[in-house]
């Protein structure tokens, strides 16, 4: 469940969400790339949809990030490379934000959590 934040994960650990397939990613790109955003001819929704391991939130954030960056740089048009670079930044931030060993629960903490879950289930 690497495409959800930790608070959400703690509430739905029993549910596995798969990453969107090509068709879904193509639809995300289609919906999040507004026609009002000036784009070069190389921007291809089909090419962008080939990028795996992303979700709709990643697509939305990539479009926003790219639009802001091209506006700041003074570029006139969004290019395919702008979006690909934004996706790479998003993916890289996921890798560096993974919990370290120091953030994992100790065996004692895990036992305490299990005890609380069992107690909560018995109350129902």
Protein backbone atom coordinates (compact mmCIF):
# COMPACT_ATOMS: atom_id res chain seq x y z
CA UNK A 1 0.00 0.00 0.00
CA UNK A 2 2.75 2.41 -0.89
CA UNK A 3 0.37 4.83 -2.58
CA UNK A 4 -1.50 5.81 0.61
CA UNK A 5 -0.39 7.86 3.58
CA UNK A 6 0.44 6.19 6.88
CA UNK A 7 -2.69 7.41 8.70
CA UNK A 8 -4.90 5.81 6.07
CA UNK A 9 -2.85 2.60 6.07
CA UNK A 10 -3.30 2.11 9.81
CA UNK A 11 -7.06 1.99 9.31
CA UNK A 12 -7.20 -0.39 6.36
CA UNK A 13 -4.26 -2.76 6.69
CA UNK A 14 -6.42 -5.69 5.64
CA UNK A 15 -7.18 -4.18 2.22
CA UNK A 16 -4.69 -4.34 -0.65
CA UNK A 17 -4.96 -1.70 -3.36
CA UNK A 18 -3.25 -2.41 -6.64
CA UNK A 19 -1.72 0.32 -8.75
CA UNK A 20 -3.82 1.50 -11.70
CA UNK A 21 -3.36 -0.26 -15.03
CA UNK A 22 -2.53 1.39 -18.37
CA UNK A 23 -6.17 2.18 -19.16
CA UNK A 24 -6.74 3.85 -15.79
CA UNK A 25 -3.46 5.80 -15.97
CA UNK A 26 -4.39 7.02 -19.45
CA UNK A 27 -7.71 8.29 -18.05
CA UNK A 28 -5.94 10.03 -15.14
CA UNK A 29 -3.64 11.85 -17.55
CA UNK A 30 -6.56 12.76 -19.82
CA UNK A 31 -8.53 14.24 -16.92
CA UNK A 32 -5.63 16.07 -15.27
CA UNK A 33 -4.03 17.63 -18.36
CA UNK A 34 -6.30 20.59 -19.14
CA UNK A 35 -6.51 21.69 -22.75
CA UNK A 36 -5.92 25.27 -21.54
CA UNK A 37 -2.40 24.30 -20.45
CA UNK A 38 -0.10 25.11 -23.40
CA UNK A 39 1.58 21.86 -24.46
CA UNK A 40 4.11 20.93 -27.09
CA UNK A 41 3.21 18.29 -29.64
CA UNK A 42 5.39 15.73 -27.85
CA UNK A 43 3.01 15.53 -24.86
CA UNK A 44 1.32 12.19 -25.39
CA UNK A 45 -1.22 10.76 -22.98
CA UNK A 46 -0.50 7.30 -24.39
CA UNK A 47 3.24 7.68 -23.64
CA UNK A 48 2.56 9.04 -20.16
CA UNK A 49 0.15 6.18 -19.42
CA UNK A 50 3.01 3.73 -20.00
CA UNK A 51 4.69 4.99 -16.83
CA UNK A 52 3.99 2.36 -14.20
CA UNK A 53 3.89 2.48 -10.41
CA UNK A 54 1.88 5.70 -10.20
CA UNK A 55 -1.61 6.54 -9.02
CA UNK A 56 -4.06 9.33 -9.82
CA UNK A 57 -2.65 11.53 -7.09
CA UNK A 58 0.82 11.21 -8.61
CA UNK A 59 -0.53 12.26 -12.02
CA UNK A 60 -2.32 15.27 -10.54
CA UNK A 61 0.76 16.32 -8.60
CA UNK A 62 3.00 15.87 -11.65
CA UNK A 63 0.80 18.14 -13.75
CA UNK A 64 0.70 20.80 -11.03
CA UNK A 65 4.44 20.56 -10.38
CA UNK A 66 5.24 20.78 -14.08
CA UNK A 67 2.91 23.72 -14.66
CA UNK A 68 4.42 25.66 -11.77
CA UNK A 69 7.97 24.91 -12.90
CA UNK A 70 7.38 25.98 -16.51
CA UNK A 71 5.64 29.17 -15.32
CA UNK A 72 8.59 30.02 -13.07
CA UNK A 73 11.12 29.29 -15.78
CA UNK A 74 9.33 31.43 -18.33
CA UNK A 75 8.82 28.56 -20.77
CA UNK A 76 5.83 28.95 -23.03
CA UNK A 77 4.84 25.28 -23.33
CA UNK A 78 4.74 22.11 -21.25
CA UNK A 79 6.86 19.32 -22.71
CA UNK A 80 6.72 15.57 -22.24
CA UNK A 81 10.06 15.66 -20.43
CA UNK A 82 8.64 18.14 -17.89
CA UNK A 83 5.96 15.64 -16.89
CA UNK A 84 8.33 12.66 -16.87
CA UNK A 85 10.78 14.56 -14.65
CA UNK A 86 7.94 15.49 -12.28
CA UNK A 87 6.88 11.83 -12.02
CA UNK A 88 10.48 10.83 -11.32
CA UNK A 89 10.70 13.43 -8.53
CA UNK A 90 7.47 12.06 -7.05
CA UNK A 91 8.71 8.47 -7.23
CA UNK A 92 12.08 9.44 -5.72
CA UNK A 93 10.38 11.21 -2.84
CA UNK A 94 8.50 7.98 -2.07
CA UNK A 95 11.73 6.05 -1.82
CA UNK A 96 13.37 8.55 0.53
CA UNK A 97 10.29 8.87 2.73
CA UNK A 98 10.05 5.18 3.62
CA UNK A 99 10.16 4.52 7.37
CA UNK A 100 13.56 3.74 8.79
CA UNK A 101 14.21 0.92 11.24
CA UNK A 102 14.06 3.44 14.09
CA UNK A 103 10.41 4.17 13.22
CA UNK A 104 9.30 0.52 13.33
CA UNK A 105 7.47 -0.80 16.38
CA UNK A 106 9.44 -2.82 18.88
CA UNK A 107 8.26 -6.36 19.68
CA UNK A 108 6.82 -5.03 22.94
CA UNK A 109 4.90 -2.30 21.13
CA UNK A 110 3.58 -4.84 18.62
CA UNK A 111 2.38 -7.06 21.47
CA UNK A 112 0.66 -4.09 23.09
CA UNK A 113 -1.11 -3.23 19.84
CA UNK A 114 -2.23 -6.87 19.41
CA UNK A 115 -3.56 -6.92 22.99
CA UNK A 116 -5.53 -3.74 22.39
CA UNK A 117 -7.00 -5.12 19.16
CA UNK A 118 -8.08 -8.33 20.86
CA UNK A 119 -9.64 -6.36 23.71
CA UNK A 120 -11.47 -4.09 21.28
CA UNK A 121 -12.84 -7.06 19.34
CA UNK A 122 -14.14 -8.68 22.53
CA UNK A 123 -16.10 -5.52 23.40
CA UNK A 124 -18.12 -5.78 20.16
